[in-house]
Amino acid sequence: MKIFLISSTFATVIALVAFYILTSTGMDTASVYSSVNVRL
């Protein structure tokens, strides 16, 4: 259970960092969401 909590927290942090990098480089939230949907 502890490993699951650590991995989920780690994945959330990575997602937030990637989202911050994308938005700070000039992409708005709409293009970020559309690229995520295309990838999925």
PDB file of N, CA and C in Angstrom:
ATOM      1  N   MET A   1       0.835  -1.211   0.000  1.00  0.00           N
ATOM      2  CA  MET A   1       0.000   0.000   0.000  1.00  0.00           C
ATOM      3  C   MET A   1       0.860   1.248   0.000  1.00  0.00           C
ATOM      4  N   LYS A   2       1.930   1.212   0.773  1.00  0.00           N
ATOM      5  CA  LYS A   2       2.804   2.388   0.828  1.00  0.00           C
ATOM      6  C   LYS A   2       3.439   2.646  -0.542  1.00  0.00           C
ATOM      7  N   ILE A   3       3.823   1.568  -1.227  1.00  0.00           N
ATOM      8  CA  ILE A   3       4.437   1.725  -2.546  1.00  0.00           C
ATOM      9  C   ILE A   3       3.439   2.350  -3.516  1.00  0.00           C
ATOM     10  N   PHE A   4       2.177   1.943  -3.409  1.00  0.00           N
ATOM     11  CA  PHE A   4       1.150   2.501  -4.294  1.00  0.00           C
ATOM     12  C   PHE A   4       0.975   3.989  -4.032  1.00  0.00           C
ATOM     13  N   LEU A   5       0.958   4.387  -2.769  1.00  0.00           N
ATOM     14  CA  LEU A   5       0.800   5.802  -2.424  1.00  0.00           C
ATOM     15  C   LEU A   5       1.981   6.612  -2.933  1.00  0.00           C
ATOM     16  N   ILE A   6       3.186   6.078  -2.755  1.00  0.00           N
ATOM     17  CA  ILE A   6       4.378   6.803  -3.204  1.00  0.00           C
ATOM     18  C   ILE A   6       4.367   6.952  -4.726  1.00  0.00           C
ATOM     19  N   SER A   7       4.035   5.887  -5.436  1.00  0.00           N
ATOM     20  CA  SER A   7       4.057   5.943  -6.902  1.00  0.00           C
ATOM     21  C   SER A   7       2.979   6.878  -7.437  1.00  0.00           C
ATOM     22  N   SER A   8       1.792   6.867  -6.809  1.00  0.00           N
ATOM     23  CA  SER A   8       0.725   7.758  -7.273  1.00  0.00           C
ATOM     24  C   SER A   8       1.076   9.212  -6.994  1.00  0.00           C
ATOM     25  N   THR A   9       1.674   9.474  -5.840  1.00  0.00           N
ATOM     26  CA  THR A   9       2.113  10.842  -5.533  1.00  0.00           C
ATOM     27  C   THR A   9       3.187  11.287  -6.512  1.00  0.00           C
ATOM     28  N   PHE A  10       4.130  10.391  -6.817  1.00  0.00           N
ATOM     29  CA  PHE A  10       5.203  10.700  -7.751  1.00  0.00           C
ATOM     30  C   PHE A  10       4.652  11.006  -9.136  1.00  0.00           C
ATOM     31  N   ALA A  11       3.676  10.213  -9.589  1.00  0.00           N
ATOM     32  CA  ALA A  11       3.074  10.434 -10.905  1.00  0.00           C
ATOM     33  C   ALA A  11       2.326  11.762 -10.942  1.00  0.00           C
ATOM     34  N   THR A  12       1.657  12.104  -9.847  1.00  0.00           N
ATOM     35  CA  THR A  12       0.943  13.378  -9.790  1.00  0.00           C
ATOM     36  C   THR A  12       1.916  14.547  -9.864  1.00  0.00           C
ATOM     37  N   VAL A  13       3.020  14.455  -9.151  1.00  0.00           N
ATOM     38  CA  VAL A  13       4.023  15.519  -9.177  1.00  0.00           C
ATOM     39  C   VAL A  13       4.595  15.669 -10.582  1.00  0.00           C
ATOM     40  N   ILE A  14       4.891  14.555 -11.242  1.00  0.00           N
ATOM     41  CA  ILE A  14       5.428  14.612 -12.602  1.00  0.00           C
ATOM     42  C   ILE A  14       4.420  15.255 -13.551  1.00  0.00           C
ATOM     43  N   ALA A  15       3.143  14.898 -13.395  1.00  0.00           N
ATOM     44  CA  ALA A  15       2.107  15.476 -14.255  1.00  0.00           C
ATOM     45  C   ALA A  15       1.994  16.977 -14.034  1.00  0.00           C
ATOM     46  N   LEU A  16       2.048  17.414 -12.780  1.00  0.00           N
ATOM     47  CA  LEU A  16       1.961  18.848 -12.488  1.00  0.00           C
ATOM     48  C   LEU A  16       3.158  19.591 -13.057  1.00  0.00           C
ATOM     49  N   VAL A  17       4.348  19.022 -12.945  1.00  0.00           N
ATOM     50  CA  VAL A  17       5.549  19.665 -13.480  1.00  0.00           C
ATOM     51  C   VAL A  17       5.468  19.761 -14.996  1.00  0.00           C
ATOM     52  N   ALA A  18       5.028  18.684 -15.652  1.00  0.00           N
ATOM     53  CA  ALA A  18       4.906  18.693 -17.107  1.00  0.00           C
ATOM     54  C   ALA A  18       3.861  19.708 -17.551  1.00  0.00           C
ATOM     55  N   PHE A  19       2.756  19.789 -16.811  1.00  0.00           N
ATOM     56  CA  PHE A  19       1.708  20.752 -17.132  1.00  0.00           C
ATOM     57  C   PHE A  19       2.220  22.181 -16.975  1.00  0.00           C
ATOM     58  N   TYR A  20       2.988  22.433 -15.914  1.00  0.00           N
ATOM     59  CA  TYR A  20       3.544  23.759 -15.684  1.00  0.00           C
ATOM     60  C   TYR A  20       4.539  24.129 -16.777  1.00  0.00           C
ATOM     61  N   ILE A  21       5.360  23.181 -17.200  1.00  0.00           N
ATOM     62  CA  ILE A  21       6.337  23.449 -18.260  1.00  0.00           C
ATOM     63  C   ILE A  21       5.619  23.771 -19.566  1.00  0.00           C
ATOM     64  N   LEU A  22       4.584  22.987 -19.895  1.00  0.00           N
ATOM     65  CA  LEU A  22       3.855  23.226 -21.136  1.00  0.00           C
ATOM     66  C   LEU A  22       3.182  24.586 -21.126  1.00  0.00           C
ATOM     67  N   THR A  23       2.552  24.954 -20.020  1.00  0.00           N
ATOM     68  CA  THR A  23       1.846  26.233 -19.970  1.00  0.00           C
ATOM     69  C   THR A  23       2.828  27.392 -19.942  1.00  0.00           C
ATOM     70  N   SER A  24       3.983  27.208 -19.306  1.00  0.00           N
ATOM     71  CA  SER A  24       4.942  28.304 -19.217  1.00  0.00           C
ATOM     72  C   SER A  24       5.667  28.525 -20.533  1.00  0.00           C
ATOM     73  N   THR A  25       5.694  27.505 -21.400  1.00  0.00           N
ATOM     74  CA  THR A  25       6.347  27.684 -22.695  1.00  0.00           C
ATOM     75  C   THR A  25       5.409  28.291 -23.728  1.00  0.00           C
ATOM     76  N   GLY A  26       4.198  28.655 -23.325  1.00  0.00           N
ATOM     77  CA  GLY A  26       3.325  29.383 -24.230  1.00  0.00           C
ATOM     78  C   GLY A  26       2.080  28.636 -24.658  1.00  0.00           C
ATOM     79  N   MET A  27       1.981  27.361 -24.338  1.00  0.00           N
ATOM     80  CA  MET A  27       0.781  26.628 -24.708  1.00  0.00           C
ATOM     81  C   MET A  27      -0.325  26.939 -23.700  1.00  0.00           C
ATOM     82  N   ASP A  28      -1.528  27.178 -24.205  1.00  0.00           N
ATOM     83  CA  ASP A  28      -2.635  27.409 -23.287  1.00  0.00           C
ATOM     84  C   ASP A  28      -3.257  26.065 -22.888  1.00  0.00           C
ATOM     85  N   THR A  29      -4.179  26.112 -21.942  1.00  0.00           N
ATOM     86  CA  THR A  29      -4.730  24.874 -21.400  1.00  0.00           C
ATOM     87  C   THR A  29      -5.506  24.088 -22.445  1.00  0.00           C
ATOM     88  N   ALA A  30      -6.127  24.767 -23.399  1.00  0.00           N
ATOM     89  CA  ALA A  30      -6.918  24.072 -24.409  1.00  0.00           C
ATOM     90  C   ALA A  30      -6.020  23.183 -25.275  1.00  0.00           C
ATOM     91  N   SER A  31      -4.882  23.703 -25.701  1.00  0.00           N
ATOM     92  CA  SER A  31      -3.981  22.893 -26.538  1.00  0.00           C
ATOM     93  C   SER A  31      -3.354  21.775 -25.727  1.00  0.00           C
ATOM     94  N   VAL A  32      -3.101  22.015 -24.445  1.00  0.00           N
ATOM     95  CA  VAL A  32      -2.542  20.957 -23.600  1.00  0.00           C
ATOM     96  C   VAL A  32      -3.554  19.821 -23.458  1.00  0.00           C
ATOM     97  N   TYR A  33      -4.813  20.175 -23.186  1.00  0.00           N
ATOM     98  CA  TYR A  33      -5.831  19.132 -23.041  1.00  0.00           C
ATOM     99  C   TYR A  33      -6.042  18.377 -24.342  1.00  0.00           C
ATOM    100  N   SER A  34      -6.011  19.061 -25.476  1.00  0.00           N
ATOM    101  CA  SER A  34      -6.230  18.385 -26.740  1.00  0.00           C
ATOM    102  C   SER A  34      -5.074  17.450 -27.054  1.00  0.00           C
ATOM    103  N   SER A  35      -3.840  17.861 -26.731  1.00  0.00           N
ATOM    104  CA  SER A  35      -2.704  16.981 -26.991  1.00  0.00           C
ATOM    105  C   SER A  35      -2.746  15.761 -26.085  1.00  0.00           C
ATOM    106  N   VAL A  36      -3.213  15.930 -24.847  1.00  0.00           N
ATOM    107  CA  VAL A  36      -3.351  14.791 -23.946  1.00  0.00           C
ATOM    108  C   VAL A  36      -4.407  13.828 -24.467  1.00  0.00           C
ATOM    109  N   ASN A  37      -5.521  14.355 -24.968  1.00  0.00           N
ATOM    110  CA  ASN A  37      -6.567  13.498 -25.511  1.00  0.00           C
ATOM    111  C   ASN A  37      -6.093  12.765 -26.756  1.00  0.00           C
ATOM    112  N   VAL A  38      -5.307  13.410 -27.592  1.00  0.00           N
ATOM    113  CA  VAL A  38      -4.786  12.757 -28.790  1.00  0.00           C
ATOM    114  C   VAL A  38      -3.840  11.634 -28.397  1.00  0.00           C
ATOM    115  N   ARG A  39      -3.000  11.865 -27.372  1.00  0.00           N
ATOM    116  CA  ARG A  39      -2.066  10.851 -26.929  1.00  0.00           C
ATOM    117  C   ARG A  39      -2.797   9.643 -26.345  1.00  0.00           C
ATOM    118  N   LEU A  40      -3.866   9.886 -25.603  1.00  0.00           N
ATOM    119  CA  LEU A  40      -4.620   8.770 -25.045  1.00  0.00           C
ATOM    120  C   LEU A  40      -5.383   8.041 -26.147  1.00  0.00           C
TER     121      LEU A  40
END
